[in-house]
Amino acid sequence: MKFTIDEIKAEHQKVKSGADFPPYIQAIKTKGVSHYTVYVSDGRTVYFDTEGQSESTESKYEVLTIAETLNLDEFKSRLKLHQQGGTDYMTFCNDCAQNGVEGWKMDLDKMTCTYFDKAENEILVERIPGA
């Protein structure tokens, strides 16, 4: 394992809005993270290195209920606002839950973020901005 959860947490502390996200991605990639998955329901994140080894964080907040029905258009508008620095992380997580987004997978090699619903269907793939 090339990285520790403490190292990742230290980098994440620097992220105040979506605008701070690209430097965070570069920093954790440098530490050996190849991809990770964030689960909106409790904020738990599982980080993987290139050998498939993983480290997981604890739950970060009270459990959020993920809406049964996906509202992709509303999610896209909330995502854009977040990426422009208009919302904080917790607001964004609530927006995900309310619009049926279960989580997202970050691929640091392809530099993509794939959002998924409760059935783990891929619902939106984006390039990581500024990466």
Protein backbone atom coordinates (compact mmCIF):
# COMPACT_ATOMS: atom_id res chain seq x y z
CA MET A 1 0.00 0.00 0.00
CA LYS A 2 1.55 3.26 -1.13
CA PHE A 3 -0.81 5.62 0.67
CA THR A 4 -2.60 5.92 3.99
CA ILE A 5 -6.06 7.23 4.81
CA ASP A 6 -4.37 9.90 6.97
CA GLU A 7 -2.40 11.17 3.96
CA ILE A 8 -5.58 11.34 1.88
CA LYS A 9 -7.47 13.09 4.70
CA ALA A 10 -4.68 15.69 4.92
CA GLU A 11 -5.07 16.45 1.20
CA HIS A 12 -8.88 16.47 1.46
CA GLN A 13 -8.73 19.11 4.21
CA LYS A 14 -7.52 21.55 1.54
CA VAL A 15 -10.72 21.09 -0.52
CA LYS A 16 -13.25 23.79 0.35
CA SER A 17 -15.35 23.68 -2.85
CA GLY A 18 -15.53 22.00 -6.23
CA ALA A 19 -13.00 24.54 -7.50
CA ASP A 20 -10.34 22.99 -5.20
CA PHE A 21 -10.95 19.50 -6.54
CA PRO A 22 -8.44 19.19 -9.44
CA PRO A 23 -5.37 19.91 -7.25
CA TYR A 24 -6.67 17.34 -4.72
CA ILE A 25 -6.93 14.68 -7.44
CA GLN A 26 -3.37 15.36 -8.59
CA ALA A 27 -2.08 15.17 -5.01
CA ILE A 28 -3.66 11.81 -4.18
CA LYS A 29 -2.69 10.37 -7.58
CA THR A 30 0.91 11.26 -6.74
CA LYS A 31 0.51 9.32 -3.48
CA GLY A 32 -0.46 6.16 -5.41
CA VAL A 33 -4.27 6.22 -5.58
CA SER A 34 -5.46 4.75 -8.91
CA HIS A 35 -9.22 4.99 -8.31
CA TYR A 36 -11.78 5.36 -5.57
CA THR A 37 -15.50 5.08 -4.91
CA VAL A 38 -17.55 7.44 -2.76
CA TYR A 39 -20.85 6.26 -1.28
CA VAL A 40 -23.25 9.19 -0.73
CA SER A 41 -25.37 7.41 1.90
CA ASP A 42 -22.72 7.80 4.61
CA GLY A 43 -19.72 9.45 2.96
CA ARG A 44 -17.60 6.31 3.13
CA THR A 45 -14.84 6.22 0.52
CA VAL A 46 -12.85 3.21 -0.67
CA TYR A 47 -9.45 4.06 -2.20
CA PHE A 48 -7.52 1.61 -4.41
CA ASP A 49 -3.89 1.51 -5.53
CA THR A 50 -2.61 0.11 -8.83
CA GLU A 51 -2.31 -3.41 -7.35
CA GLY A 52 -5.97 -3.43 -6.29
CA GLN A 53 -5.19 -3.03 -2.57
CA SER A 54 -7.76 -0.85 -0.83
CA GLU A 55 -8.22 1.35 2.21
CA SER A 56 -11.62 2.58 3.36
CA THR A 57 -12.67 5.55 5.45
CA GLU A 58 -15.29 5.40 8.17
CA SER A 59 -18.75 6.90 7.70
CA LYS A 60 -18.40 10.69 7.58
CA TYR A 61 -21.93 11.80 8.50
CA GLU A 62 -25.41 10.65 9.48
CA VAL A 63 -26.91 8.32 6.87
CA LEU A 64 -28.63 10.03 3.94
CA THR A 65 -31.54 8.31 2.22
CA ILE A 66 -30.95 7.95 -1.50
CA ALA A 67 -34.06 8.74 -3.55
CA GLU A 68 -35.48 5.75 -5.41
CA THR A 69 -36.02 7.78 -8.57
CA LEU A 70 -33.15 9.30 -10.50
CA ASN A 71 -33.60 12.96 -11.47
CA LEU A 72 -30.66 13.34 -13.84
CA ASP A 73 -31.48 16.85 -15.12
CA GLU A 74 -31.72 18.30 -11.60
CA PHE A 75 -28.58 16.44 -10.55
CA LYS A 76 -26.65 17.85 -13.52
CA SER A 77 -27.65 21.41 -12.61
CA ARG A 78 -26.65 20.90 -8.94
CA LEU A 79 -23.38 19.29 -10.04
CA LYS A 80 -22.55 22.28 -12.24
CA LEU A 81 -23.24 24.66 -9.36
CA HIS A 82 -20.96 22.61 -7.08
CA GLN A 83 -18.18 22.48 -9.66
CA GLN A 84 -18.31 26.27 -9.91
CA GLY A 85 -17.77 26.56 -6.15
CA GLY A 86 -21.42 27.38 -5.38
CA THR A 87 -22.00 24.62 -2.80
CA ASP A 88 -19.96 22.87 -0.12
CA TYR A 89 -19.36 19.11 -0.03
CA MET A 90 -22.19 18.29 2.37
CA THR A 91 -24.69 20.26 0.28
CA PHE A 92 -23.51 18.38 -2.79
CA CYS A 93 -23.94 15.02 -1.03
CA ASN A 94 -27.49 15.98 -0.04
CA ASP A 95 -28.15 17.03 -3.65
CA CYS A 96 -26.91 13.62 -4.83
CA ALA A 97 -29.15 11.77 -2.36
CA GLN A 98 -32.24 13.82 -3.21
CA ASN A 99 -31.73 13.18 -6.93
CA GLY A 100 -31.12 9.43 -6.71
CA VAL A 101 -27.32 9.37 -7.04
CA GLU A 102 -25.81 6.57 -4.92
CA GLY A 103 -22.21 7.63 -5.43
CA TRP A 104 -19.36 8.12 -7.82
CA LYS A 105 -16.23 6.34 -8.99
CA MET A 106 -13.12 8.35 -9.73
CA ASP A 107 -10.65 6.84 -12.20
CA LEU A 108 -7.36 8.72 -11.80
CA ASP A 109 -5.78 7.04 -14.82
CA LYS A 110 -8.58 7.92 -17.26
CA MET A 111 -9.28 11.12 -15.27
CA THR A 112 -13.01 10.44 -15.27
CA CYS A 113 -15.74 10.61 -12.68
CA THR A 114 -18.62 8.17 -13.14
CA TYR A 115 -21.80 8.80 -11.12
CA PHE A 116 -24.07 5.83 -10.44
CA ASP A 117 -27.60 5.19 -9.16
CA LYS A 118 -28.89 2.73 -6.55
CA ALA A 119 -28.73 -0.15 -9.05
CA GLU A 120 -25.10 0.85 -9.79
CA ASN A 121 -26.05 1.88 -13.33
CA GLU A 122 -23.64 4.45 -14.72
CA ILE A 123 -25.70 7.59 -15.18
CA LEU A 124 -23.10 10.24 -16.05
CA VAL A 125 -19.40 10.15 -16.94
CA GLU A 126 -17.37 13.34 -16.84
CA ARG A 127 -13.78 14.28 -17.36
CA ILE A 128 -12.25 15.50 -14.13
CA PRO A 129 -12.22 19.31 -14.60
CA GLY A 130 -8.80 20.86 -14.84
CA ALA A 131 -7.09 17.47 -14.72
